[in-house]
Amino acid sequence: LQDNEYRAEPGRVAPVPLPVGNELRALFFRYQLLE
């Protein structure tokens, strides 16, 4: 699960447009090989 939320910084100039927030819900498979 990963949620990204973006908002203006109080007292600062915000970029136009702000990045778009997103939500990630995912399934994964991982393989690791270690020496």
PDB file of all heavy atoms in Angstrom:
ATOM      1  N   LEU A   1       0.876  -1.169   0.000  1.00  0.00           N
ATOM      2  CA  LEU A   1       0.000   0.000   0.000  1.00  0.00           C
ATOM      3  C   LEU A   1       0.911   1.215   0.000  1.00  0.00           C
ATOM      4  O   LEU A   1       1.890   1.260   0.732  1.00  0.00           O
ATOM      5  CB  LEU A   1      -0.846  -0.016   1.268  1.00  0.00           C
ATOM      6  CG  LEU A   1      -1.672   1.213   1.603  1.00  0.00           C
ATOM      7  CD1 LEU A   1      -2.989   0.775   2.180  1.00  0.00           C
ATOM      8  CD2 LEU A   1      -0.951   2.128   2.557  1.00  0.00           C
ATOM      9  N   GLN A   2       0.610   2.167  -0.871  1.00  0.00           N
ATOM     10  CA  GLN A   2       1.393   3.402  -0.905  1.00  0.00           C
ATOM     11  C   GLN A   2       0.482   4.540  -1.324  1.00  0.00           C
ATOM     12  O   GLN A   2      -0.119   4.486  -2.398  1.00  0.00           O
ATOM     13  CB  GLN A   2       2.558   3.264  -1.879  1.00  0.00           C
ATOM     14  CG  GLN A   2       3.475   4.450  -1.894  1.00  0.00           C
ATOM     15  CD  GLN A   2       4.681   4.217  -2.780  1.00  0.00           C
ATOM     16  OE1 GLN A   2       5.170   3.107  -2.888  1.00  0.00           O
ATOM     17  NE2 GLN A   2       5.141   5.252  -3.417  1.00  0.00           N
ATOM     18  N   ASP A   3       0.367   5.552  -0.490  1.00  0.00           N
ATOM     19  CA  ASP A   3      -0.448   6.732  -0.782  1.00  0.00           C
ATOM     20  C   ASP A   3       0.457   7.949  -0.850  1.00  0.00           C
ATOM     21  O   ASP A   3       1.236   8.198   0.065  1.00  0.00           O
ATOM     22  CB  ASP A   3      -1.505   6.958   0.303  1.00  0.00           C
ATOM     23  CG  ASP A   3      -2.557   5.867   0.332  1.00  0.00           C
ATOM     24  OD1 ASP A   3      -2.661   5.116  -0.652  1.00  0.00           O
ATOM     25  OD2 ASP A   3      -3.264   5.754   1.351  1.00  0.00           O
ATOM     26  N   ASN A   4       0.359   8.699  -1.930  1.00  0.00           N
ATOM     27  CA  ASN A   4       1.093   9.948  -2.101  1.00  0.00           C
ATOM     28  C   ASN A   4       0.090  11.086  -2.130  1.00  0.00           C
ATOM     29  O   ASN A   4      -0.835  11.074  -2.941  1.00  0.00           O
ATOM     30  CB  ASN A   4       1.868   9.946  -3.416  1.00  0.00           C
ATOM     31  CG  ASN A   4       3.074   9.046  -3.360  1.00  0.00           C
ATOM     32  OD1 ASN A   4       4.040   9.357  -2.682  1.00  0.00           O
ATOM     33  ND2 ASN A   4       3.015   7.924  -4.061  1.00  0.00           N
ATOM     34  N   GLU A   5       0.279  12.053  -1.246  1.00  0.00           N
ATOM     35  CA  GLU A   5      -0.599  13.220  -1.181  1.00  0.00           C
ATOM     36  C   GLU A   5       0.268  14.463  -1.291  1.00  0.00           C
ATOM     37  O   GLU A   5       1.302  14.579  -0.629  1.00  0.00           O
ATOM     38  CB  GLU A   5      -1.337  13.209   0.155  1.00  0.00           C
ATOM     39  CG  GLU A   5      -2.253  14.373   0.375  1.00  0.00           C
ATOM     40  CD  GLU A   5      -2.831  14.350   1.786  1.00  0.00           C
ATOM     41  OE1 GLU A   5      -3.236  13.269   2.261  1.00  0.00           O
ATOM     42  OE2 GLU A   5      -2.855  15.424   2.411  1.00  0.00           O
ATOM     43  N   TYR A   6      -0.132  15.404  -2.121  1.00  0.00           N
ATOM     44  CA  TYR A   6       0.623  16.643  -2.325  1.00  0.00           C
ATOM     45  C   TYR A   6      -0.259  17.826  -1.965  1.00  0.00           C
ATOM     46  O   TYR A   6      -1.453  17.836  -2.264  1.00  0.00           O
ATOM     47  CB  TYR A   6       1.058  16.751  -3.782  1.00  0.00           C
ATOM     48  CG  TYR A   6       1.921  15.603  -4.229  1.00  0.00           C
ATOM     49  CD1 TYR A   6       1.367  14.476  -4.837  1.00  0.00           C
ATOM     50  CD2 TYR A   6       3.295  15.616  -4.026  1.00  0.00           C
ATOM     51  CE1 TYR A   6       2.149  13.410  -5.234  1.00  0.00           C
ATOM     52  CE2 TYR A   6       4.095  14.557  -4.412  1.00  0.00           C
ATOM     53  CZ  TYR A   6       3.511  13.461  -5.020  1.00  0.00           C
ATOM     54  OH  TYR A   6       4.296  12.399  -5.409  1.00  0.00           O
ATOM     55  N   ARG A   7       0.351  18.833  -1.315  1.00  0.00           N
ATOM     56  CA  ARG A   7      -0.406  20.040  -0.993  1.00  0.00           C
ATOM     57  C   ARG A   7       0.546  21.224  -0.924  1.00  0.00           C
ATOM     58  O   ARG A   7       1.766  21.065  -0.832  1.00  0.00           O
ATOM     59  CB  ARG A   7      -1.191  19.881   0.291  1.00  0.00           C
ATOM     60  CG  ARG A   7      -0.404  19.592   1.513  1.00  0.00           C
ATOM     61  CD  ARG A   7      -1.352  19.313   2.701  1.00  0.00           C
ATOM     62  NE  ARG A   7      -0.655  18.691   3.781  1.00  0.00           N
ATOM     63  CZ  ARG A   7      -0.109  19.343   4.790  1.00  0.00           C
ATOM     64  NH1 ARG A   7      -0.177  20.654   4.851  1.00  0.00           N
ATOM     65  NH2 ARG A   7       0.510  18.707   5.752  1.00  0.00           N
ATOM     66  N   ALA A   8      -0.037  22.405  -0.966  1.00  0.00           N
ATOM     67  CA  ALA A   8       0.758  23.629  -0.931  1.00  0.00           C
ATOM     68  C   ALA A   8       1.447  23.771   0.413  1.00  0.00           C
ATOM     69  O   ALA A   8       0.910  23.372   1.447  1.00  0.00           O
ATOM     70  CB  ALA A   8      -0.136  24.836  -1.196  1.00  0.00           C
ATOM     71  N   GLU A   9       2.648  24.325   0.403  1.00  0.00           N
ATOM     72  CA  GLU A   9       3.403  24.607   1.625  1.00  0.00           C
ATOM     73  C   GLU A   9       2.928  25.955   2.160  1.00  0.00           C
ATOM     74  O   GLU A   9       2.972  26.954   1.443  1.00  0.00           O
ATOM     75  CB  GLU A   9       4.899  24.654   1.290  1.00  0.00           C
ATOM     76  CG  GLU A   9       5.788  25.025   2.428  1.00  0.00           C
ATOM     77  CD  GLU A   9       5.919  23.943   3.489  1.00  0.00           C
ATOM     78  OE1 GLU A   9       5.479  22.800   3.268  1.00  0.00           O
ATOM     79  OE2 GLU A   9       6.428  24.260   4.558  1.00  0.00           O
ATOM     80  N   PRO A  10       2.443  26.012   3.406  1.00  0.00           N
ATOM     81  CA  PRO A  10       1.949  27.282   3.950  1.00  0.00           C
ATOM     82  C   PRO A  10       3.003  28.395   3.873  1.00  0.00           C
ATOM     83  O   PRO A  10       4.157  28.187   4.224  1.00  0.00           O
ATOM     84  CB  PRO A  10       1.618  26.949   5.406  1.00  0.00           C
ATOM     85  CG  PRO A  10       1.411  25.467   5.423  1.00  0.00           C
ATOM     86  CD  PRO A  10       2.331  24.923   4.367  1.00  0.00           C
ATOM     87  N   GLY A  11       2.599  29.545   3.377  1.00  0.00           N
ATOM     88  CA  GLY A  11       3.491  30.693   3.284  1.00  0.00           C
ATOM     89  C   GLY A  11       4.453  30.658   2.115  1.00  0.00           C
ATOM     90  O   GLY A  11       5.325  31.504   2.010  1.00  0.00           O
ATOM     91  N   ARG A  12       4.316  29.673   1.220  1.00  0.00           N
ATOM     92  CA  ARG A  12       5.205  29.543   0.060  1.00  0.00           C
ATOM     93  C   ARG A  12       4.396  29.563  -1.228  1.00  0.00           C
ATOM     94  O   ARG A  12       3.210  29.261  -1.238  1.00  0.00           O
ATOM     95  CB  ARG A  12       5.992  28.225   0.119  1.00  0.00           C
ATOM     96  CG  ARG A  12       6.755  27.999   1.373  1.00  0.00           C
ATOM     97  CD  ARG A  12       7.935  28.910   1.447  1.00  0.00           C
ATOM     98  NE  ARG A  12       8.715  28.578   2.638  1.00  0.00           N
ATOM     99  CZ  ARG A  12       9.859  29.091   2.916  1.00  0.00           C
ATOM    100  NH1 ARG A  12      10.391  29.984   2.129  1.00  0.00           N
ATOM    101  NH2 ARG A  12      10.503  28.745   4.001  1.00  0.00           N
ATOM    102  N   VAL A  13       5.046  29.872  -2.315  1.00  0.00           N
ATOM    103  CA  VAL A  13       4.395  29.849  -3.623  1.00  0.00           C
ATOM    104  C   VAL A  13       4.326  28.398  -4.094  1.00  0.00           C
ATOM    105  O   VAL A  13       5.348  27.716  -4.156  1.00  0.00           O
ATOM    106  CB  VAL A  13       5.188  30.693  -4.643  1.00  0.00           C
ATOM    107  CG1 VAL A  13       4.573  30.597  -6.023  1.00  0.00           C
ATOM    108  CG2 VAL A  13       5.269  32.139  -4.177  1.00  0.00           C
ATOM    109  N   ALA A  14       3.131  27.938  -4.410  1.00  0.00           N
ATOM    110  CA  ALA A  14       2.946  26.559  -4.860  1.00  0.00           C
ATOM    111  C   ALA A  14       3.128  26.476  -6.375  1.00  0.00           C
ATOM    112  O   ALA A  14       2.785  27.402  -7.101  1.00  0.00           O
ATOM    113  CB  ALA A  14       1.557  26.070  -4.485  1.00  0.00           C
ATOM    114  N   PRO A  15       3.672  25.356  -6.871  1.00  0.00           N
ATOM    115  CA  PRO A  15       3.788  25.203  -8.316  1.00  0.00           C
ATOM    116  C   PRO A  15       2.403  25.024  -8.934  1.00  0.00           C
ATOM    117  O   PRO A  15       1.478  24.558  -8.274  1.00  0.00           O
ATOM    118  CB  PRO A  15       4.626  23.938  -8.482  1.00  0.00           C
ATOM    119  CG  PRO A  15       4.395  23.165  -7.232  1.00  0.00           C
ATOM    120  CD  PRO A  15       4.162  24.179  -6.154  1.00  0.00           C
ATOM    121  N   VAL A  16       2.278  25.401 -10.181  1.00  0.00           N
ATOM    122  CA  VAL A  16       1.008  25.224 -10.884  1.00  0.00           C
ATOM    123  C   VAL A  16       1.283  24.307 -12.063  1.00  0.00           C
ATOM    124  O   VAL A  16       2.099  24.631 -12.911  1.00  0.00           O
ATOM    125  CB  VAL A  16       0.450  26.575 -11.368  1.00  0.00           C
ATOM    126  CG1 VAL A  16      -0.838  26.368 -12.129  1.00  0.00           C
ATOM    127  CG2 VAL A  16       0.247  27.517 -10.196  1.00  0.00           C
ATOM    128  N   PRO A  17       0.670  23.169 -12.147  1.00  0.00           N
ATOM    129  CA  PRO A  17      -0.207  22.578 -11.134  1.00  0.00           C
ATOM    130  C   PRO A  17       0.600  21.803 -10.100  1.00  0.00           C
ATOM    131  O   PRO A  17       1.742  21.455 -10.336  1.00  0.00           O
ATOM    132  CB  PRO A  17      -1.073  21.623 -11.949  1.00  0.00           C
ATOM    133  CG  PRO A  17      -0.157  21.143 -13.036  1.00  0.00           C
ATOM    134  CD  PRO A  17       0.725  22.338 -13.365  1.00  0.00           C
ATOM    135  N   LEU A  18      -0.037  21.507  -8.958  1.00  0.00           N
ATOM    136  CA  LEU A  18       0.552  20.629  -7.955  1.00  0.00           C
ATOM    137  C   LEU A  18       0.603  19.216  -8.526  1.00  0.00           C
ATOM    138  O   LEU A  18      -0.252  18.839  -9.333  1.00  0.00           O
ATOM    139  CB  LEU A  18      -0.307  20.605  -6.690  1.00  0.00           C
ATOM    140  CG  LEU A  18      -0.042  21.673  -5.647  1.00  0.00           C
ATOM    141  CD1 LEU A  18      -1.109  21.625  -4.574  1.00  0.00           C
ATOM    142  CD2 LEU A  18       1.326  21.525  -5.028  1.00  0.00           C
ATOM    143  N   PRO A  19       1.575  18.402  -8.120  1.00  0.00           N
ATOM    144  CA  PRO A  19       1.548  17.003  -8.546  1.00  0.00           C
ATOM    145  C   PRO A  19       0.237  16.349  -8.111  1.00  0.00           C
ATOM    146  O   PRO A  19      -0.344  16.710  -7.090  1.00  0.00           O
ATOM    147  CB  PRO A  19       2.733  16.377  -7.813  1.00  0.00           C
ATOM    148  CG  PRO A  19       3.640  17.522  -7.519  1.00  0.00           C
ATOM    149  CD  PRO A  19       2.731  18.703  -7.300  1.00  0.00           C
ATOM    150  N   VAL A  20      -0.208  15.396  -8.878  1.00  0.00           N
ATOM    151  CA  VAL A  20      -1.462  14.707  -8.591  1.00  0.00           C
ATOM    152  C   VAL A  20      -1.197  13.566  -7.612  1.00  0.00           C
ATOM    153  O   VAL A  20      -0.298  12.756  -7.825  1.00  0.00           O
ATOM    154  CB  VAL A  20      -2.079  14.150  -9.899  1.00  0.00           C
ATOM    155  CG1 VAL A  20      -3.347  13.372  -9.605  1.00  0.00           C
ATOM    156  CG2 VAL A  20      -2.349  15.284 -10.872  1.00  0.00           C
ATOM    157  N   GLY A  21      -1.964  13.523  -6.554  1.00  0.00           N
ATOM    158  CA  GLY A  21      -1.843  12.441  -5.580  1.00  0.00           C
ATOM    159  C   GLY A  21      -2.297  11.122  -6.187  1.00  0.00           C
ATOM    160  O   GLY A  21      -3.061  11.086  -7.153  1.00  0.00           O
ATOM    161  N   ASN A  22      -1.805  10.033  -5.626  1.00  0.00           N
ATOM    162  CA  ASN A  22      -2.232   8.724  -6.113  1.00  0.00           C
ATOM    163  C   ASN A  22      -2.201   7.708  -4.990  1.00  0.00           C
ATOM    164  O   ASN A  22      -1.536   7.892  -3.985  1.00  0.00           O
ATOM    165  CB  ASN A  22      -1.374   8.271  -7.304  1.00  0.00           C
ATOM    166  CG  ASN A  22       0.083   8.169  -6.952  1.00  0.00           C
ATOM    167  OD1 ASN A  22       0.433   7.650  -5.903  1.00  0.00           O
ATOM    168  ND2 ASN A  22       0.951   8.678  -7.810  1.00  0.00           N
ATOM    169  N   GLU A  23      -2.946   6.657  -5.205  1.00  0.00           N
ATOM    170  CA  GLU A  23      -3.005   5.557  -4.247  1.00  0.00           C
ATOM    171  C   GLU A  23      -2.609   4.282  -4.962  1.00  0.00           C
ATOM    172  O   GLU A  23      -3.046   4.040  -6.088  1.00  0.00           O
ATOM    173  CB  GLU A  23      -4.410   5.427  -3.673  1.00  0.00           C
ATOM    174  CG  GLU A  23      -4.840   6.642  -2.872  1.00  0.00           C
ATOM    175  CD  GLU A  23      -6.276   6.542  -2.389  1.00  0.00           C
ATOM    176  OE1 GLU A  23      -7.038   5.708  -2.913  1.00  0.00           O
ATOM    177  OE2 GLU A  23      -6.632   7.316  -1.496  1.00  0.00           O
ATOM    178  N   LEU A  24      -1.776   3.500  -4.305  1.00  0.00           N
ATOM    179  CA  LEU A  24      -1.310   2.248  -4.881  1.00  0.00           C
ATOM    180  C   LEU A  24      -1.690   1.104  -3.949  1.00  0.00           C
ATOM    181  O   LEU A  24      -1.372   1.123  -2.761  1.00  0.00           O
ATOM    182  CB  LEU A  24       0.217   2.290  -5.055  1.00  0.00           C
ATOM    183  CG  LEU A  24       0.887   1.015  -5.545  1.00  0.00           C
ATOM    184  CD1 LEU A  24       0.520   0.753  -7.001  1.00  0.00           C
ATOM    185  CD2 LEU A  24       2.389   1.110  -5.394  1.00  0.00           C
ATOM    186  N   ARG A  25      -2.391   0.143  -4.479  1.00  0.00           N
ATOM    187  CA  ARG A  25      -2.722  -1.116  -3.793  1.00  0.00           C
ATOM    188  C   ARG A  25      -2.303  -2.211  -4.770  1.00  0.00           C
ATOM    189  O   ARG A  25      -2.818  -2.268  -5.879  1.00  0.00           O
ATOM    190  CB  ARG A  25      -4.219  -1.249  -3.504  1.00  0.00           C
ATOM    191  CG  ARG A  25      -4.836  -0.066  -2.778  1.00  0.00           C
ATOM    192  CD  ARG A  25      -4.375   0.005  -1.323  1.00  0.00           C
ATOM    193  NE  ARG A  25      -5.049   1.071  -0.596  1.00  0.00           N
ATOM    194  CZ  ARG A  25      -4.642   2.325  -0.556  1.00  0.00           C
ATOM    195  NH1 ARG A  25      -3.580   2.697  -1.221  1.00  0.00           N
ATOM    196  NH2 ARG A  25      -5.284   3.238   0.153  1.00  0.00           N
ATOM    197  N   ALA A  26      -1.346  -3.034  -4.357  1.00  0.00           N
ATOM    198  CA  ALA A  26      -0.772  -3.965  -5.321  1.00  0.00           C
ATOM    199  C   ALA A  26      -0.374  -5.290  -4.695  1.00  0.00           C
ATOM    200  O   ALA A  26      -0.164  -5.392  -3.488  1.00  0.00           O
ATOM    201  CB  ALA A  26       0.455  -3.316  -5.974  1.00  0.00           C
ATOM    202  N   LEU A  27      -0.234  -6.271  -5.560  1.00  0.00           N
ATOM    203  CA  LEU A  27       0.293  -7.582  -5.212  1.00  0.00           C
ATOM    204  C   LEU A  27       1.648  -7.710  -5.900  1.00  0.00           C
ATOM    205  O   LEU A  27       1.841  -7.184  -6.998  1.00  0.00           O
ATOM    206  CB  LEU A  27      -0.640  -8.682  -5.693  1.00  0.00           C
ATOM    207  CG  LEU A  27      -2.076  -8.599  -5.168  1.00  0.00           C
ATOM    208  CD1 LEU A  27      -2.937  -9.666  -5.836  1.00  0.00           C
ATOM    209  CD2 LEU A  27      -2.101  -8.764  -3.664  1.00  0.00           C
ATOM    210  N   PHE A  28       2.598  -8.397  -5.263  1.00  0.00           N
ATOM    211  CA  PHE A  28       3.911  -8.516  -5.879  1.00  0.00           C
ATOM    212  C   PHE A  28       4.520  -9.884  -5.637  1.00  0.00           C
ATOM    213  O   PHE A  28       4.149 -10.616  -4.720  1.00  0.00           O
ATOM    214  CB  PHE A  28       4.861  -7.419  -5.382  1.00  0.00           C
ATOM    215  CG  PHE A  28       5.260  -7.573  -3.939  1.00  0.00           C
ATOM    216  CD1 PHE A  28       6.344  -8.360  -3.573  1.00  0.00           C
ATOM    217  CD2 PHE A  28       4.567  -6.912  -2.940  1.00  0.00           C
ATOM    218  CE1 PHE A  28       6.713  -8.501  -2.248  1.00  0.00           C
ATOM    219  CE2 PHE A  28       4.938  -7.034  -1.612  1.00  0.00           C
ATOM    220  CZ  PHE A  28       6.013  -7.832  -1.266  1.00  0.00           C
ATOM    221  N   PHE A  29       5.490 -10.195  -6.491  1.00  0.00           N
ATOM    222  CA  PHE A  29       6.336 -11.377  -6.332  1.00  0.00           C
ATOM    223  C   PHE A  29       7.778 -10.900  -6.480  1.00  0.00           C
ATOM    224  O   PHE A  29       8.101 -10.160  -7.403  1.00  0.00           O
ATOM    225  CB  PHE A  29       6.038 -12.453  -7.376  1.00  0.00           C
ATOM    226  CG  PHE A  29       6.959 -13.633  -7.259  1.00  0.00           C
ATOM    227  CD1 PHE A  29       6.768 -14.570  -6.274  1.00  0.00           C
ATOM    228  CD2 PHE A  29       8.036 -13.773  -8.121  1.00  0.00           C
ATOM    229  CE1 PHE A  29       7.634 -15.654  -6.130  1.00  0.00           C
ATOM    230  CE2 PHE A  29       8.915 -14.844  -7.989  1.00  0.00           C
ATOM    231  CZ  PHE A  29       8.713 -15.781  -7.000  1.00  0.00           C
ATOM    232  N   ARG A  30       8.648 -11.319  -5.546  1.00  0.00           N
ATOM    233  CA  ARG A  30      10.038 -10.867  -5.552  1.00  0.00           C
ATOM    234  C   ARG A  30      10.972 -12.073  -5.467  1.00  0.00           C
ATOM    235  O   ARG A  30      10.709 -13.025  -4.724  1.00  0.00           O
ATOM    236  CB  ARG A  30      10.268  -9.956  -4.351  1.00  0.00           C
ATOM    237  CG  ARG A  30      11.664  -9.406  -4.223  1.00  0.00           C
ATOM    238  CD  ARG A  30      11.856  -8.581  -2.946  1.00  0.00           C
ATOM    239  NE  ARG A  30      10.848  -7.533  -2.834  1.00  0.00           N
ATOM    240  CZ  ARG A  30      10.220  -7.228  -1.693  1.00  0.00           C
ATOM    241  NH1 ARG A  30      10.460  -7.889  -0.590  1.00  0.00           N
ATOM    242  NH2 ARG A  30       9.324  -6.278  -1.667  1.00  0.00           N
ATOM    243  N   TYR A  31      12.062 -11.999  -6.227  1.00  0.00           N
ATOM    244  CA  TYR A  31      13.107 -13.022  -6.172  1.00  0.00           C
ATOM    245  C   TYR A  31      14.428 -12.324  -5.855  1.00  0.00           C
ATOM    246  O   TYR A  31      14.780 -11.327  -6.495  1.00  0.00           O
ATOM    247  CB  TYR A  31      13.225 -13.757  -7.505  1.00  0.00           C
ATOM    248  CG  TYR A  31      14.428 -14.678  -7.568  1.00  0.00           C
ATOM    249  CD1 TYR A  31      14.433 -15.880  -6.868  1.00  0.00           C
ATOM    250  CD2 TYR A  31      15.552 -14.327  -8.300  1.00  0.00           C
ATOM    251  CE1 TYR A  31      15.538 -16.713  -6.904  1.00  0.00           C
ATOM    252  CE2 TYR A  31      16.655 -15.157  -8.341  1.00  0.00           C
ATOM    253  CZ  TYR A  31      16.641 -16.345  -7.645  1.00  0.00           C
ATOM    254  OH  TYR A  31      17.732 -17.177  -7.675  1.00  0.00           O
ATOM    255  N   GLN A  32      15.147 -12.835  -4.871  1.00  0.00           N
ATOM    256  CA  GLN A  32      16.438 -12.274  -4.507  1.00  0.00           C
ATOM    257  C   GLN A  32      17.505 -13.364  -4.540  1.00  0.00           C
ATOM    258  O   GLN A  32      17.261 -14.494  -4.111  1.00  0.00           O
ATOM    259  CB  GLN A  32      16.404 -11.686  -3.095  1.00  0.00           C
ATOM    260  CG  GLN A  32      15.526 -10.469  -2.960  1.00  0.00           C
ATOM    261  CD  GLN A  32      15.443 -10.004  -1.520  1.00  0.00           C
ATOM    262  OE1 GLN A  32      14.796 -10.654  -0.717  1.00  0.00           O
ATOM    263  NE2 GLN A  32      16.097  -8.904  -1.214  1.00  0.00           N
ATOM    264  N   LEU A  33      18.667 -12.999  -5.036  1.00  0.00           N
ATOM    265  CA  LEU A  33      19.832 -13.881  -5.036  1.00  0.00           C
ATOM    266  C   LEU A  33      20.965 -13.098  -4.393  1.00  0.00           C
ATOM    267  O   LEU A  33      21.307 -11.998  -4.853  1.00  0.00           O
ATOM    268  CB  LEU A  33      20.214 -14.291  -6.467  1.00  0.00           C
ATOM    269  CG  LEU A  33      21.472 -15.147  -6.600  1.00  0.00           C
ATOM    270  CD1 LEU A  33      21.292 -16.492  -5.900  1.00  0.00           C
ATOM    271  CD2 LEU A  33      21.806 -15.345  -8.072  1.00  0.00           C
ATOM    272  N   LEU A  34      21.521 -13.637  -3.313  1.00  0.00           N
ATOM    273  CA  LEU A  34      22.545 -12.926  -2.544  1.00  0.00           C
ATOM    274  C   LEU A  34      23.755 -13.813  -2.315  1.00  0.00           C
ATOM    275  O   LEU A  34      23.617 -14.968  -1.920  1.00  0.00           O
ATOM    276  CB  LEU A  34      21.995 -12.513  -1.173  1.00  0.00           C
ATOM    277  CG  LEU A  34      20.740 -11.665  -1.148  1.00  0.00           C
ATOM    278  CD1 LEU A  34      20.159 -11.635   0.250  1.00  0.00           C
ATOM    279  CD2 LEU A  34      21.048 -10.271  -1.622  1.00  0.00           C
ATOM    280  N   GLU A  35      24.919 -13.229  -2.545  1.00  0.00           N
ATOM    281  CA  GLU A  35      26.162 -13.886  -2.173  1.00  0.00           C
ATOM    282  C   GLU A  35      26.509 -13.365  -0.783  1.00  0.00           C
ATOM    283  O   GLU A  35      26.622 -12.158  -0.574  1.00  0.00           O
ATOM    284  CB  GLU A  35      27.268 -13.527  -3.161  1.00  0.00           C
ATOM    285  CG  GLU A  35      28.589 -14.155  -2.831  1.00  0.00           C
ATOM    286  CD  GLU A  35      29.689 -13.734  -3.791  1.00  0.00           C
ATOM    287  OE1 GLU A  35      29.504 -12.764  -4.545  1.00  0.00           O
ATOM    288  OE2 GLU A  35      30.737 -14.389  -3.773  1.00  0.00           O
TER     289      GLU A  35
END
